[in-house]
């Protein structure tokens, strides 16, 4: 939507004729007509007065793509929320491999000194290797930005 189309639409929503709108802005009706036909643009002061009169932002009046802004903002907001959730989940998941590896060390020490079960020791070592692998993959993912 062009600036002129937006001015026309907003003016009509306010039930103003070009003449009435021109009087509010202290310009001629011909100026309003030129703005609406995109053959001329209002000066900054007039744009500010229009934005106040219509209750819209200057961005809305000036940017052609602004009608998609609400969708873009909602989309960006949703994307930001999803990113925060994903980061939080990955943060909490990242503790498991690290703590699993650390817990494995204490478990292994305890098993070797007290329990002395070969089967438990092998399982603990396998768990530690798995946790260490996940930790390395997590660090690589962070470094590579995955």
C-alpha atoms as a PDB file:
ATOM      1  CA  UNK A   1       0.000   0.000   0.000  1.00  0.00           C
ATOM      2  CA  UNK A   2       1.440   3.387  -0.998  1.00  0.00           C
ATOM      3  CA  UNK A   3       1.553   6.498   1.177  1.00  0.00           C
ATOM      4  CA  UNK A   4      -1.242   8.026  -0.887  1.00  0.00           C
ATOM      5  CA  UNK A   5      -3.433   4.936  -0.543  1.00  0.00           C
ATOM      6  CA  UNK A   6      -2.897   4.967   3.213  1.00  0.00           C
ATOM      7  CA  UNK A   7      -3.787   8.658   3.475  1.00  0.00           C
ATOM      8  CA  UNK A   8      -6.951   8.065   1.439  1.00  0.00           C
ATOM      9  CA  UNK A   9      -7.995   5.064   3.481  1.00  0.00           C
ATOM     10  CA  UNK A  10      -7.305   6.735   6.832  1.00  0.00           C
ATOM     11  CA  UNK A  11      -9.077   9.936   5.769  1.00  0.00           C
ATOM     12  CA  UNK A  12     -12.143   7.999   4.690  1.00  0.00           C
ATOM     13  CA  UNK A  13     -12.128   5.978   7.914  1.00  0.00           C
ATOM     14  CA  UNK A  14     -12.399   9.310   9.737  1.00  0.00           C
ATOM     15  CA  UNK A  15     -15.302  10.280   7.419  1.00  0.00           C
ATOM     16  CA  UNK A  16     -13.418  13.340   6.193  1.00  0.00           C
ATOM     17  CA  UNK A  17     -13.640  14.863   2.753  1.00  0.00           C
ATOM     18  CA  UNK A  18     -10.476  16.059   1.069  1.00  0.00           C
ATOM     19  CA  UNK A  19     -11.608  19.618   1.817  1.00  0.00           C
ATOM     20  CA  UNK A  20     -12.175  18.938   5.539  1.00  0.00           C
ATOM     21  CA  UNK A  21      -8.879  17.083   5.814  1.00  0.00           C
ATOM     22  CA  UNK A  22      -7.070  19.935   4.047  1.00  0.00           C
ATOM     23  CA  UNK A  23      -8.519  22.453   6.527  1.00  0.00           C
ATOM     24  CA  UNK A  24      -7.298  20.376   9.484  1.00  0.00           C
ATOM     25  CA  UNK A  25      -3.784  20.362   8.035  1.00  0.00           C
ATOM     26  CA  UNK A  26      -3.899  23.999   6.813  1.00  0.00           C
ATOM     27  CA  UNK A  27      -3.262  23.033   3.193  1.00  0.00           C
ATOM     28  CA  UNK A  28      -5.276  23.166  -0.018  1.00  0.00           C
ATOM     29  CA  UNK A  29      -7.592  20.410  -1.185  1.00  0.00           C
ATOM     30  CA  UNK A  30      -5.333  20.082  -4.242  1.00  0.00           C
ATOM     31  CA  UNK A  31      -2.392  19.219  -1.970  1.00  0.00           C
ATOM     32  CA  UNK A  32      -4.415  16.428  -0.371  1.00  0.00           C
ATOM     33  CA  UNK A  33      -5.419  15.203  -3.832  1.00  0.00           C
ATOM     34  CA  UNK A  34      -1.766  15.130  -4.966  1.00  0.00           C
ATOM     35  CA  UNK A  35      -0.752  13.222  -1.835  1.00  0.00           C
ATOM     36  CA  UNK A  36      -3.487  10.658  -2.374  1.00  0.00           C
ATOM     37  CA  UNK A  37      -2.516  10.248  -6.042  1.00  0.00           C
ATOM     38  CA  UNK A  38       1.175   9.872  -5.055  1.00  0.00           C
ATOM     39  CA  UNK A  39       2.159  12.772  -7.292  1.00  0.00           C
ATOM     40  CA  UNK A  40       3.484  14.698  -4.271  1.00  0.00           C
ATOM     41  CA  UNK A  41       4.417  13.901  -0.686  1.00  0.00           C
ATOM     42  CA  UNK A  42       3.455  15.817   2.429  1.00  0.00           C
ATOM     43  CA  UNK A  43       6.215  17.526   4.358  1.00  0.00           C
ATOM     44  CA  UNK A  44       7.387  16.218   7.720  1.00  0.00           C
ATOM     45  CA  UNK A  45       5.188  18.546   9.760  1.00  0.00           C
ATOM     46  CA  UNK A  46       2.079  17.414   7.872  1.00  0.00           C
ATOM     47  CA  UNK A  47       3.017  13.754   8.265  1.00  0.00           C
ATOM     48  CA  UNK A  48       3.386  14.218  12.018  1.00  0.00           C
ATOM     49  CA  UNK A  49      -0.010  15.941  12.206  1.00  0.00           C
ATOM     50  CA  UNK A  50      -1.569  13.142  10.136  1.00  0.00           C
ATOM     51  CA  UNK A  51      -0.105  10.454  12.376  1.00  0.00           C
ATOM     52  CA  UNK A  52      -1.585  12.200  15.409  1.00  0.00           C
ATOM     53  CA  UNK A  53      -4.932  12.774  13.723  1.00  0.00           C
ATOM     54  CA  UNK A  54      -5.201   9.181  12.522  1.00  0.00           C
ATOM     55  CA  UNK A  55      -3.594   7.644  15.610  1.00  0.00           C
ATOM     56  CA  UNK A  56      -0.951   5.767  13.618  1.00  0.00           C
ATOM     57  CA  UNK A  57       2.838   5.797  13.493  1.00  0.00           C
ATOM     58  CA  UNK A  58       4.942   7.661  10.969  1.00  0.00           C
ATOM     59  CA  UNK A  59       6.389   4.294  10.004  1.00  0.00           C
ATOM     60  CA  UNK A  60       2.949   3.135   8.999  1.00  0.00           C
ATOM     61  CA  UNK A  61       2.409   6.182   6.821  1.00  0.00           C
ATOM     62  CA  UNK A  62       5.816   6.073   5.160  1.00  0.00           C
ATOM     63  CA  UNK A  63       6.675   2.416   4.696  1.00  0.00           C
ATOM     64  CA  UNK A  64       5.013   0.431   1.929  1.00  0.00           C
ATOM     65  CA  UNK A  65       5.609  -2.918   3.615  1.00  0.00           C
ATOM     66  CA  UNK A  66       4.371  -1.823   7.026  1.00  0.00           C
ATOM     67  CA  UNK A  67       1.026  -3.568   6.617  1.00  0.00           C
ATOM     68  CA  UNK A  68       2.904  -6.822   7.106  1.00  0.00           C
ATOM     69  CA  UNK A  69       4.675  -5.527  10.200  1.00  0.00           C
ATOM     70  CA  UNK A  70       2.204  -6.968  12.690  1.00  0.00           C
ATOM     71  CA  UNK A  71       2.644 -10.385  11.101  1.00  0.00           C
ATOM     72  CA  UNK A  72       6.432  -9.923  10.971  1.00  0.00           C
ATOM     73  CA  UNK A  73       6.579  -8.787  14.593  1.00  0.00           C
ATOM     74  CA  UNK A  74       4.369 -11.684  15.673  1.00  0.00           C
ATOM     75  CA  UNK A  75       6.500 -14.072  13.635  1.00  0.00           C
ATOM     76  CA  UNK A  76       9.737 -12.626  15.056  1.00  0.00           C
ATOM     77  CA  UNK A  77       8.259 -12.683  18.541  1.00  0.00           C
ATOM     78  CA  UNK A  78       7.232 -16.324  18.115  1.00  0.00           C
ATOM     79  CA  UNK A  79      10.681 -17.143  16.716  1.00  0.00           C
ATOM     80  CA  UNK A  80      12.371 -15.381  19.664  1.00  0.00           C
ATOM     81  CA  UNK A  81      10.159 -17.291  22.117  1.00  0.00           C
ATOM     82  CA  UNK A  82      10.929 -20.602  20.397  1.00  0.00           C
ATOM     83  CA  UNK A  83      14.634 -19.778  20.466  1.00  0.00           C
ATOM     84  CA  UNK A  84      14.515 -18.972  24.189  1.00  0.00           C
ATOM     85  CA  UNK A  85      12.644 -22.209  24.910  1.00  0.00           C
ATOM     86  CA  UNK A  86      15.069 -24.220  22.787  1.00  0.00           C
ATOM     87  CA  UNK A  87      18.045 -22.602  24.526  1.00  0.00           C
ATOM     88  CA  UNK A  88      16.550 -23.312  27.952  1.00  0.00           C
ATOM     89  CA  UNK A  89      15.857 -26.949  27.115  1.00  0.00           C
ATOM     90  CA  UNK A  90      19.340 -27.431  25.702  1.00  0.00           C
ATOM     91  CA  UNK A  91      20.850 -25.756  28.747  1.00  0.00           C
ATOM     92  CA  UNK A  92      19.090 -28.145  31.108  1.00  0.00           C
ATOM     93  CA  UNK A  93      19.835 -31.136  28.896  1.00  0.00           C
ATOM     94  CA  UNK A  94      23.483 -30.167  28.766  1.00  0.00           C
ATOM     95  CA  UNK A  95      23.794 -30.653  32.514  1.00  0.00           C
ATOM     96  CA  UNK A  96      22.910 -34.351  32.302  1.00  0.00           C
ATOM     97  CA  UNK A  97      25.991 -35.405  30.275  1.00  0.00           C
ATOM     98  CA  UNK A  98      28.351 -33.294  32.341  1.00  0.00           C
ATOM     99  CA  UNK A  99      26.886 -34.369  35.661  1.00  0.00           C
ATOM    100  CA  UNK A 100      26.659 -37.961  34.420  1.00  0.00           C
ATOM    101  CA  UNK A 101      30.343 -37.913  33.684  1.00  0.00           C
ATOM    102  CA  UNK A 102      31.187 -36.341  37.071  1.00  0.00           C
ATOM    103  CA  UNK A 103      28.822 -38.710  38.915  1.00  0.00           C
ATOM    104  CA  UNK A 104      30.446 -41.575  37.037  1.00  0.00           C
ATOM    105  CA  UNK A 105      33.843 -40.621  38.425  1.00  0.00           C
ATOM    106  CA  UNK A 106      32.550 -40.677  42.020  1.00  0.00           C
ATOM    107  CA  UNK A 107      30.604 -43.869  41.366  1.00  0.00           C
ATOM    108  CA  UNK A 108      33.650 -45.547  39.859  1.00  0.00           C
ATOM    109  CA  UNK A 109      35.822 -44.501  42.800  1.00  0.00           C
ATOM    110  CA  UNK A 110      33.238 -45.863  45.251  1.00  0.00           C
ATOM    111  CA  UNK A 111      32.837 -49.116  43.316  1.00  0.00           C
ATOM    112  CA  UNK A 112      36.543 -49.744  43.067  1.00  0.00           C
ATOM    113  CA  UNK A 113      37.113 -49.127  46.752  1.00  0.00           C
ATOM    114  CA  UNK A 114      33.970 -50.666  48.304  1.00  0.00           C
ATOM    115  CA  UNK A 115      31.648 -52.574  45.965  1.00  0.00           C
ATOM    116  CA  UNK A 116      34.177 -54.271  43.668  1.00  0.00           C
ATOM    117  CA  UNK A 117      31.536 -55.521  41.255  1.00  0.00           C
ATOM    118  CA  UNK A 118      33.009 -55.982  37.790  1.00  0.00           C
ATOM    119  CA  UNK A 119      29.573 -55.699  36.120  1.00  0.00           C
ATOM    120  CA  UNK A 120      28.767 -52.386  37.875  1.00  0.00           C
ATOM    121  CA  UNK A 121      32.221 -51.049  37.085  1.00  0.00           C
ATOM    122  CA  UNK A 122      31.835 -51.853  33.364  1.00  0.00           C
ATOM    123  CA  UNK A 123      28.372 -50.235  33.312  1.00  0.00           C
ATOM    124  CA  UNK A 124      29.709 -47.147  35.083  1.00  0.00           C
ATOM    125  CA  UNK A 125      32.587 -46.818  32.626  1.00  0.00           C
ATOM    126  CA  UNK A 126      30.185 -47.265  29.682  1.00  0.00           C
ATOM    127  CA  UNK A 127      27.919 -44.577  31.142  1.00  0.00           C
ATOM    128  CA  UNK A 128      30.887 -42.258  31.623  1.00  0.00           C
ATOM    129  CA  UNK A 129      32.049 -42.780  28.023  1.00  0.00           C
ATOM    130  CA  UNK A 130      28.519 -42.074  26.794  1.00  0.00           C
ATOM    131  CA  UNK A 131      28.263 -38.942  28.977  1.00  0.00           C
ATOM    132  CA  UNK A 132      31.689 -37.774  27.870  1.00  0.00           C
ATOM    133  CA  UNK A 133      30.711 -38.302  24.212  1.00  0.00           C
ATOM    134  CA  UNK A 134      27.531 -36.268  24.709  1.00  0.00           C
ATOM    135  CA  UNK A 135      29.516 -33.544  26.462  1.00  0.00           C
ATOM    136  CA  UNK A 136      32.005 -33.353  23.577  1.00  0.00           C
ATOM    137  CA  UNK A 137      29.148 -33.256  21.041  1.00  0.00           C
ATOM    138  CA  UNK A 138      27.440 -30.522  23.057  1.00  0.00           C
ATOM    139  CA  UNK A 139      30.632 -28.436  23.123  1.00  0.00           C
ATOM    140  CA  UNK A 140      31.174 -28.974  19.384  1.00  0.00           C
ATOM    141  CA  UNK A 141      27.565 -27.932  18.732  1.00  0.00           C
ATOM    142  CA  UNK A 142      28.049 -24.762  20.745  1.00  0.00           C
ATOM    143  CA  UNK A 143      31.325 -23.948  19.006  1.00  0.00           C
ATOM    144  CA  UNK A 144      29.929 -24.611  15.535  1.00  0.00           C
ATOM    145  CA  UNK A 145      26.682 -22.791  16.328  1.00  0.00           C
ATOM    146  CA  UNK A 146      24.400 -25.778  15.826  1.00  0.00           C
END
